[in-house]
N, C-alpha and C. Protein backbone atom coordinates (compact mmCIF):
# COMPACT_ATOMS: atom_id res chain seq x y z
N UNK A 1 -107.13 18.04 -152.68
CA UNK A 1 -108.01 17.54 -153.18
C UNK A 1 -109.86 18.25 -152.44
N UNK A 2 -109.38 18.19 -151.10
CA UNK A 2 -110.40 18.74 -150.25
C UNK A 2 -110.96 19.97 -151.13
N UNK A 3 -111.40 20.54 -151.32
CA UNK A 3 -111.46 22.11 -151.71
C UNK A 3 -112.86 22.80 -150.55
N UNK A 4 -112.86 23.82 -150.11
CA UNK A 4 -113.53 24.49 -149.92
C UNK A 4 -114.35 25.80 -149.89
N UNK A 5 -114.92 26.36 -150.51
CA UNK A 5 -115.18 27.97 -150.29
C UNK A 5 -117.00 28.61 -150.11
N UNK A 6 -116.57 29.58 -149.87
CA UNK A 6 -117.99 30.23 -149.58
C UNK A 6 -117.88 31.46 -149.36
N UNK A 7 -118.64 32.81 -150.06
CA UNK A 7 -119.31 33.75 -149.17
C UNK A 7 -120.31 33.86 -148.09
N UNK A 8 -120.23 34.82 -147.69
CA UNK A 8 -120.25 34.95 -146.00
C UNK A 8 -120.36 35.86 -146.22
N UNK A 9 -121.74 37.35 -146.24
CA UNK A 9 -122.49 38.48 -145.09
C UNK A 9 -122.72 38.54 -143.79
N UNK A 10 -121.26 39.88 -143.36
CA UNK A 10 -121.25 40.12 -141.82
C UNK A 10 -121.63 41.52 -142.21
N UNK A 11 -121.73 41.37 -140.59
CA UNK A 11 -122.21 43.04 -140.10
C UNK A 11 -121.13 44.03 -139.85
N UNK A 12 -120.19 43.66 -140.83
CA UNK A 12 -118.50 44.41 -140.11
C UNK A 12 -117.84 45.29 -141.57
N UNK A 13 -117.52 45.55 -141.32
CA UNK A 13 -116.41 46.43 -142.71
C UNK A 13 -115.03 45.76 -143.00
N UNK A 14 -115.13 45.49 -144.14
CA UNK A 14 -114.20 44.89 -144.94
C UNK A 14 -113.22 44.94 -144.38
N UNK A 15 -113.23 46.08 -143.67
CA UNK A 15 -111.34 46.82 -143.25
C UNK A 15 -111.21 45.58 -141.89
N UNK A 16 -112.05 45.65 -141.02
CA UNK A 16 -112.64 44.93 -139.35
C UNK A 16 -111.67 43.67 -140.20
N UNK A 17 -112.68 42.66 -141.03
CA UNK A 17 -112.64 41.19 -141.37
C UNK A 17 -111.00 41.48 -141.90
N UNK A 18 -110.86 41.64 -142.47
CA UNK A 18 -109.35 42.33 -143.44
C UNK A 18 -108.43 42.20 -141.96
N UNK A 19 -108.29 42.95 -141.29
CA UNK A 19 -107.36 43.37 -139.79
C UNK A 19 -107.95 42.21 -139.46
N UNK A 20 -108.85 41.17 -138.98
CA UNK A 20 -108.56 39.73 -137.89
C UNK A 20 -107.66 38.97 -138.87
N UNK A 21 -108.63 39.09 -140.45
CA UNK A 21 -107.74 37.83 -140.50
C UNK A 21 -106.43 37.53 -140.91
N UNK A 22 -105.32 38.79 -140.94
CA UNK A 22 -103.71 39.40 -141.18
C UNK A 22 -103.72 38.69 -139.66
N UNK A 23 -104.39 38.55 -139.01
CA UNK A 23 -103.59 39.30 -136.99
C UNK A 23 -103.35 37.01 -137.15
N UNK A 24 -102.70 36.99 -137.63
CA UNK A 24 -102.64 35.18 -138.02
C UNK A 24 -101.49 34.75 -136.74
N UNK A 25 -101.01 36.16 -135.71
CA UNK A 25 -100.59 35.64 -134.62
C UNK A 25 -101.80 35.08 -133.28
N UNK A 26 -102.83 35.58 -133.64
CA UNK A 26 -104.40 35.97 -132.59
C UNK A 26 -105.08 34.73 -132.97
N UNK A 27 -104.04 33.43 -134.61
CA UNK A 27 -105.25 32.71 -134.29
C UNK A 27 -105.18 31.74 -132.86
N UNK A 28 -104.25 31.18 -132.61
CA UNK A 28 -104.14 30.57 -130.91
C UNK A 28 -105.04 30.82 -130.45
N UNK A 29 -105.99 31.65 -130.83
CA UNK A 29 -107.26 32.65 -129.30
C UNK A 29 -108.49 32.08 -129.61
N UNK A 30 -108.37 32.05 -131.34
CA UNK A 30 -109.95 31.45 -131.82
C UNK A 30 -109.75 30.09 -132.09
N UNK A 31 -109.01 29.83 -133.31
CA UNK A 31 -108.90 28.61 -134.29
C UNK A 31 -109.48 27.82 -133.17
N UNK A 32 -110.20 26.92 -134.18
CA UNK A 32 -109.97 24.93 -134.18
C UNK A 32 -109.09 24.28 -134.23
N UNK A 33 -108.22 23.64 -133.56
CA UNK A 33 -107.10 22.64 -133.33
C UNK A 33 -106.12 23.72 -134.20
N UNK A 34 -106.17 24.99 -133.56
CA UNK A 34 -104.86 26.10 -133.73
C UNK A 34 -104.16 26.05 -132.82
N UNK A 35 -103.43 25.82 -132.24
CA UNK A 35 -102.31 25.78 -131.03
C UNK A 35 -101.26 26.24 -130.73
N UNK A 36 -100.66 26.78 -131.49
CA UNK A 36 -99.80 27.81 -131.45
C UNK A 36 -99.43 28.58 -132.92
N UNK A 37 -98.80 29.85 -132.78
CA UNK A 37 -98.65 30.97 -134.36
C UNK A 37 -97.37 31.01 -134.20
N UNK A 38 -96.44 31.56 -135.20
CA UNK A 38 -95.60 32.09 -134.70
C UNK A 38 -94.61 33.14 -135.98
N UNK A 39 -94.99 34.15 -135.98
CA UNK A 39 -95.19 35.22 -137.22
C UNK A 39 -93.21 34.67 -137.69
N UNK A 40 -92.81 34.72 -138.80
CA UNK A 40 -90.71 34.38 -139.03
C UNK A 40 -90.48 35.84 -139.11
N UNK A 41 -91.36 36.43 -140.33
CA UNK A 41 -90.82 37.61 -140.98
C UNK A 41 -92.22 38.31 -141.24
N UNK A 42 -92.78 39.92 -142.10
CA UNK A 42 -92.30 40.30 -142.71
C UNK A 42 -92.68 42.03 -143.67
N UNK A 43 -92.30 41.10 -144.67
CA UNK A 43 -91.33 41.75 -145.58
C UNK A 43 -92.14 43.06 -146.61
N UNK A 44 -92.35 44.12 -146.47
CA UNK A 44 -93.54 45.40 -147.40
C UNK A 44 -92.62 44.50 -148.70
N UNK A 45 -93.87 45.03 -150.01
CA UNK A 45 -92.92 45.20 -151.18
C UNK A 45 -93.46 46.02 -151.84
N UNK A 46 -92.93 46.37 -153.26
CA UNK A 46 -92.51 47.67 -153.95
C UNK A 46 -93.96 47.72 -154.68
N UNK A 47 -95.27 47.25 -154.67
CA UNK A 47 -96.70 47.06 -154.72
C UNK A 47 -97.10 47.12 -153.58
N UNK A 48 -96.97 48.00 -152.60
CA UNK A 48 -98.01 47.95 -151.54
C UNK A 48 -98.49 46.70 -150.32
N UNK A 49 -98.22 45.52 -150.64
CA UNK A 49 -98.18 43.93 -150.67
C UNK A 49 -97.13 43.69 -149.58
N UNK A 50 -97.61 42.76 -149.03
CA UNK A 50 -96.08 43.04 -147.64
C UNK A 50 -96.34 41.38 -147.92
N UNK A 51 -95.56 39.97 -147.72
CA UNK A 51 -95.23 38.81 -147.16
C UNK A 51 -95.37 38.77 -146.66
N UNK A 52 -95.44 37.76 -145.76
CA UNK A 52 -95.26 37.55 -144.32
C UNK A 52 -95.07 36.03 -144.23
N UNK A 53 -94.16 35.72 -143.80
CA UNK A 53 -94.15 34.01 -143.36
C UNK A 53 -94.30 33.87 -141.82
N UNK A 54 -94.70 32.52 -142.24
CA UNK A 54 -95.87 32.11 -140.22
C UNK A 54 -95.61 30.80 -140.56
N UNK A 55 -95.45 30.36 -138.68
CA UNK A 55 -95.73 28.92 -139.00
C UNK A 55 -96.72 28.50 -138.14
N UNK A 56 -97.39 27.46 -137.82
CA UNK A 56 -98.79 27.42 -137.76
C UNK A 56 -98.80 25.84 -136.44
N UNK A 57 -98.80 25.31 -135.91
CA UNK A 57 -99.05 24.45 -134.98
C UNK A 57 -100.30 24.12 -135.33
N UNK A 58 -100.85 22.69 -135.67
CA UNK A 58 -102.29 22.03 -136.23
C UNK A 58 -102.43 20.98 -134.98
N UNK A 59 -103.31 20.94 -133.82
CA UNK A 59 -102.95 19.66 -133.60
C UNK A 59 -104.60 18.55 -133.60
N UNK A 60 -104.88 17.67 -134.03
CA UNK A 60 -106.27 16.97 -133.54
C UNK A 60 -105.77 15.35 -133.57
N UNK A 61 -106.45 15.49 -132.68
CA UNK A 61 -106.65 14.17 -131.70
C UNK A 61 -105.19 13.80 -131.44
N UNK A 62 -104.46 12.71 -132.36
CA UNK A 62 -102.99 12.50 -131.61
C UNK A 62 -102.27 13.30 -132.76
N UNK A 63 -103.20 13.42 -133.54
CA UNK A 63 -101.32 14.03 -134.37
C UNK A 63 -101.49 15.62 -134.20
N UNK A 64 -99.89 16.17 -134.01
CA UNK A 64 -99.85 17.83 -133.92
C UNK A 64 -98.31 17.69 -134.92
N UNK A 65 -98.72 18.74 -135.41
CA UNK A 65 -97.69 19.00 -137.16
C UNK A 65 -97.59 20.36 -137.23
N UNK A 66 -96.93 21.28 -137.27
CA UNK A 66 -96.13 22.65 -137.65
C UNK A 66 -95.94 22.89 -139.21
N UNK A 67 -96.24 23.48 -139.67
CA UNK A 67 -96.93 24.44 -141.05
C UNK A 67 -96.15 25.20 -140.94
N UNK A 68 -95.39 25.42 -142.19
CA UNK A 68 -95.17 26.93 -142.92
C UNK A 68 -95.62 27.61 -143.62
N UNK A 69 -96.09 28.93 -143.28
CA UNK A 69 -96.78 28.81 -144.48
C UNK A 69 -96.38 30.47 -145.03
N UNK A 70 -96.74 30.90 -146.08
CA UNK A 70 -95.85 32.64 -146.98
C UNK A 70 -97.48 33.34 -147.04
N UNK A 71 -98.11 33.74 -146.72
CA UNK A 71 -99.53 35.18 -146.85
C UNK A 71 -98.52 36.70 -146.79
N UNK A 72 -99.58 36.19 -148.16
CA UNK A 72 -99.84 37.29 -148.47
C UNK A 72 -100.54 39.00 -148.80
N UNK A 73 -100.47 40.27 -148.20
CA UNK A 73 -101.21 40.45 -147.01
C UNK A 73 -101.40 41.74 -148.57
N UNK A 74 -102.57 41.87 -149.03
CA UNK A 74 -102.95 43.30 -150.00
C UNK A 74 -103.93 44.24 -149.35
N UNK A 75 -103.21 45.45 -148.61
CA UNK A 75 -103.64 45.88 -147.15
C UNK A 75 -104.57 46.93 -148.35
N UNK A 76 -104.50 47.35 -149.86
CA UNK A 76 -105.04 47.91 -150.90
C UNK A 76 -106.09 47.43 -151.24
N UNK A 77 -106.52 46.00 -151.88
CA UNK A 77 -107.02 45.53 -152.29
C UNK A 77 -108.26 44.33 -151.32
N UNK A 78 -108.17 44.72 -150.36
CA UNK A 78 -108.54 43.47 -148.53
C UNK A 78 -108.27 42.41 -149.04
N UNK A 79 -107.62 41.63 -149.82
CA UNK A 79 -107.22 40.62 -150.10
C UNK A 79 -106.05 39.90 -149.36
N UNK A 80 -105.85 38.28 -149.02
CA UNK A 80 -104.96 37.86 -148.41
C UNK A 80 -105.05 36.32 -148.99
N UNK A 81 -103.69 36.61 -149.32
CA UNK A 81 -103.83 34.56 -150.49
C UNK A 81 -102.36 34.15 -149.45
N UNK A 82 -103.17 32.65 -149.21
CA UNK A 82 -101.50 31.88 -148.44
C UNK A 82 -101.06 30.35 -149.34
N UNK A 83 -99.95 30.50 -149.00
CA UNK A 83 -99.54 29.54 -150.23
C UNK A 83 -98.65 28.52 -148.39
N UNK A 84 -98.49 27.29 -149.03
CA UNK A 84 -98.33 26.08 -148.25
C UNK A 84 -96.42 26.23 -148.75
N UNK A 85 -95.77 26.08 -147.96
CA UNK A 85 -94.15 25.84 -147.69
C UNK A 85 -93.32 24.83 -147.18
N UNK A 86 -93.37 24.89 -146.39
CA UNK A 86 -93.47 23.39 -145.33
C UNK A 86 -93.86 22.28 -144.05
N UNK A 87 -93.95 20.82 -144.10
CA UNK A 87 -95.13 20.98 -142.98
C UNK A 87 -95.85 19.86 -143.40
N UNK A 88 -97.46 19.25 -143.34
CA UNK A 88 -97.26 17.61 -143.00
C UNK A 88 -98.43 18.21 -144.58
N UNK A 89 -98.91 18.94 -145.49
CA UNK A 89 -99.21 19.26 -146.94
C UNK A 89 -98.55 18.86 -147.62
N UNK A 90 -99.28 17.78 -148.56
CA UNK A 90 -98.53 17.91 -149.84
C UNK A 90 -98.72 19.04 -150.42
N UNK A 91 -99.67 20.53 -150.43
CA UNK A 91 -99.97 21.02 -151.14
C UNK A 91 -101.33 22.10 -150.89
N UNK A 92 -101.16 23.21 -150.16
CA UNK A 92 -102.03 24.05 -149.28
C UNK A 92 -102.27 25.45 -149.57
N UNK A 93 -103.50 26.04 -150.25
CA UNK A 93 -103.79 27.25 -150.65
C UNK A 93 -104.79 27.38 -150.02
N UNK A 94 -105.20 29.14 -149.90
CA UNK A 94 -105.94 29.36 -149.08
C UNK A 94 -106.29 31.10 -149.93
N UNK A 95 -107.81 31.70 -149.75
CA UNK A 95 -107.46 32.73 -149.91
C UNK A 95 -108.86 33.42 -149.91
N UNK A 96 -108.87 34.86 -148.90
CA UNK A 96 -109.54 35.76 -149.04
C UNK A 96 -109.62 36.70 -148.71
N UNK A 97 -111.00 37.75 -149.39
CA UNK A 97 -111.10 39.28 -149.92
C UNK A 97 -112.43 39.19 -148.85
N UNK A 98 -112.35 40.18 -149.27
CA UNK A 98 -113.37 41.28 -148.91
C UNK A 98 -113.07 42.47 -149.34
N UNK A 99 -114.81 42.24 -148.59
CA UNK A 99 -115.52 44.22 -149.86
C UNK A 99 -116.61 44.39 -148.70
N UNK A 100 -117.25 45.79 -148.86
CA UNK A 100 -117.78 46.41 -147.84
C UNK A 100 -119.57 46.57 -149.21
N UNK A 101 -120.61 46.22 -148.45
CA UNK A 101 -121.39 45.70 -148.76
C UNK A 101 -122.92 47.20 -147.93
N UNK A 102 -124.03 46.47 -148.50
CA UNK A 102 -124.36 47.06 -147.94
C UNK A 102 -124.99 46.79 -146.32
N UNK A 103 -124.73 47.69 -144.99
CA UNK A 103 -124.87 46.66 -144.08
C UNK A 103 -123.64 46.02 -143.62
N UNK A 104 -122.45 45.77 -143.92
CA UNK A 104 -121.57 45.91 -143.53
C UNK A 104 -120.92 44.69 -144.97
N UNK A 105 -119.98 43.94 -144.63
CA UNK A 105 -119.20 43.36 -146.39
C UNK A 105 -119.66 41.94 -146.70
N UNK A 106 -119.36 41.82 -147.35
CA UNK A 106 -119.40 40.04 -148.22
C UNK A 106 -117.85 39.55 -147.85
N UNK A 107 -117.52 38.33 -147.55
CA UNK A 107 -115.91 37.69 -147.12
C UNK A 107 -116.12 36.08 -148.10
N UNK A 108 -115.37 36.38 -149.11
CA UNK A 108 -114.87 35.20 -150.11
C UNK A 108 -113.88 34.02 -149.05
N UNK A 109 -113.94 33.05 -148.84
CA UNK A 109 -113.07 32.15 -148.74
C UNK A 109 -112.41 30.65 -149.72
N UNK A 110 -111.82 30.57 -149.81
CA UNK A 110 -111.48 29.38 -150.34
C UNK A 110 -110.63 28.76 -150.19
N UNK A 111 -110.09 27.33 -149.64
CA UNK A 111 -108.70 26.61 -149.80
C UNK A 111 -108.86 25.21 -149.88
N UNK A 112 -108.13 25.09 -150.91
CA UNK A 112 -107.12 23.96 -150.99
C UNK A 112 -106.97 23.16 -150.68
N UNK A 113 -106.35 22.15 -149.65
CA UNK A 113 -105.19 21.74 -149.68
C UNK A 113 -104.68 19.93 -150.11
N UNK A 114 -104.15 18.55 -149.77
CA UNK A 114 -103.71 17.56 -148.88
C UNK A 114 -102.73 17.23 -148.66
N UNK A 115 -103.00 16.79 -147.10
CA UNK A 115 -101.95 15.70 -146.57
C UNK A 115 -101.55 15.26 -147.17
N UNK A 116 -100.09 14.56 -147.05
CA UNK A 116 -98.92 13.85 -147.45
C UNK A 116 -99.75 12.53 -145.88
N UNK A 117 -99.66 12.28 -145.00
CA UNK A 117 -99.82 12.03 -144.66
C UNK A 117 -101.04 10.73 -144.59
N UNK A 118 -101.87 10.28 -145.24
CA UNK A 118 -102.88 8.68 -146.14
C UNK A 118 -103.70 9.46 -144.44
N UNK A 119 -103.40 8.46 -144.02
CA UNK A 119 -104.18 8.53 -142.28
C UNK A 119 -105.05 9.65 -141.99
N UNK A 120 -104.12 10.97 -142.16
CA UNK A 120 -104.91 12.52 -141.89
C UNK A 120 -105.49 12.89 -142.48
N UNK A 121 -105.23 12.44 -144.04
CA UNK A 121 -106.43 13.27 -144.57
C UNK A 121 -107.28 11.90 -145.18
N UNK A 122 -107.41 10.64 -144.50
CA UNK A 122 -108.32 10.09 -144.32
C UNK A 122 -109.18 10.56 -143.74
N UNK A 123 -109.14 10.71 -142.57
CA UNK A 123 -110.04 11.38 -141.26
C UNK A 123 -110.27 12.59 -141.87
N UNK A 124 -109.22 13.46 -142.21
CA UNK A 124 -109.80 15.41 -142.28
C UNK A 124 -110.90 15.06 -143.49
N UNK A 125 -110.91 14.17 -144.78
CA UNK A 125 -111.60 14.19 -146.18
C UNK A 125 -112.98 13.87 -144.70
N UNK A 126 -113.59 12.84 -144.41
CA UNK A 126 -114.16 11.84 -143.37
C UNK A 126 -115.77 13.99 -142.82
N UNK A 127 -114.35 14.45 -142.34
CA UNK A 127 -115.39 15.17 -141.63
C UNK A 127 -114.41 16.58 -141.92
N UNK A 128 -114.16 16.70 -143.21
CA UNK A 128 -113.58 18.30 -144.35
C UNK A 128 -114.88 19.72 -144.16
N UNK A 129 -116.32 19.47 -144.46
CA UNK A 129 -117.09 19.96 -144.92
C UNK A 129 -117.65 20.94 -143.55
N UNK A 130 -117.63 19.77 -142.81
CA UNK A 130 -118.14 20.70 -140.34
C UNK A 130 -116.05 21.38 -140.19
N UNK A 131 -115.67 20.34 -140.76
CA UNK A 131 -114.07 20.55 -139.93
C UNK A 131 -113.81 22.73 -140.27
N UNK A 132 -114.02 23.05 -141.76
CA UNK A 132 -114.06 23.56 -142.94
C UNK A 132 -115.37 25.67 -142.15
N UNK A 133 -116.36 24.47 -142.42
CA UNK A 133 -117.01 25.50 -141.33
C UNK A 133 -117.45 25.70 -140.35
N UNK A 134 -116.85 24.87 -139.32
CA UNK A 134 -115.81 25.85 -137.75
C UNK A 134 -114.92 26.38 -137.83
N UNK A 135 -113.78 26.27 -138.72
CA UNK A 135 -112.99 27.60 -138.84
C UNK A 135 -114.05 28.40 -138.57
N UNK A 136 -114.73 28.68 -140.46
CA UNK A 136 -115.42 30.22 -140.29
C UNK A 136 -116.16 30.65 -139.62
N UNK A 137 -116.95 29.81 -138.64
CA UNK A 137 -117.52 29.83 -138.12
C UNK A 137 -116.63 30.82 -136.32
N UNK A 138 -115.94 30.41 -136.94
CA UNK A 138 -114.88 30.91 -135.00
C UNK A 138 -114.15 32.03 -135.32
N UNK A 139 -114.07 32.03 -137.25
CA UNK A 139 -113.49 33.30 -138.04
C UNK A 139 -114.99 34.41 -137.51
N UNK A 140 -115.93 34.32 -137.33
CA UNK A 140 -117.35 35.29 -137.49
C UNK A 140 -117.54 35.44 -135.70
N UNK A 141 -117.34 34.59 -134.50
CA UNK A 141 -117.51 34.60 -133.35
C UNK A 141 -116.55 35.51 -132.49
N UNK A 142 -115.32 35.46 -134.04
CA UNK A 142 -114.01 36.25 -133.30
C UNK A 142 -114.15 38.16 -133.77
N UNK A 143 -114.86 37.71 -134.39
CA UNK A 143 -114.90 39.15 -135.42
C UNK A 143 -115.85 39.96 -134.49
N UNK A 144 -117.64 38.68 -133.59
CA UNK A 144 -117.88 38.78 -132.57
C UNK A 144 -117.94 40.15 -131.08
N UNK A 145 -116.87 39.08 -131.05
CA UNK A 145 -115.89 38.78 -129.54
C UNK A 145 -115.66 40.75 -130.13
N UNK A 146 -114.53 40.91 -130.96
CA UNK A 146 -113.80 42.49 -131.07
C UNK A 146 -114.15 43.54 -131.47
N UNK A 147 -115.40 43.44 -132.38
CA UNK A 147 -116.18 44.42 -132.55
C UNK A 147 -118.02 44.74 -132.32
N UNK A 148 -118.90 43.68 -131.10
CA UNK A 148 -119.78 43.48 -131.47
C UNK A 148 -120.63 43.52 -132.47
N UNK A 149 -121.76 43.27 -131.84
CA UNK A 149 -122.61 43.05 -133.39
C UNK A 149 -122.83 43.34 -134.43
N UNK A 150 -122.09 44.17 -134.81
CA UNK A 150 -122.13 44.85 -135.95
C UNK A 150 -121.32 46.07 -136.76
N UNK A 151 -121.24 46.95 -137.11
CA UNK A 151 -120.42 47.28 -137.65
C UNK A 151 -120.97 49.28 -137.74
């Protein structure tokens, strides 16, 4: 039900931003509400993509939930697609796309999800846009920490 979409221009290469977002195991180091991450498997595909099965633990106030997702990494196209497997959502999907541009890259981000728990859905509904902005800013700060102030 809640969706969020935005495009940001950042002073890093598309490859740097792709690598940062693809490093799911590092999410607990910098993402708000991400308490833990575990990569279950990474399977190369014939088309050059990789399928990653990953678990994240989200912790928000009194809620602490694990959810599994299938992450499709497209290194040649610099895209990342995520689909929900199991956990507290009715559904969840997100997409990232990275394109080199003058002075850095453009990052497209889209997420659409709904929690099974009506209370948690109600809480996140109130702060959804702020929460998504905090997550995007966390990726931007992580890029600055890893790569400095620009490409």
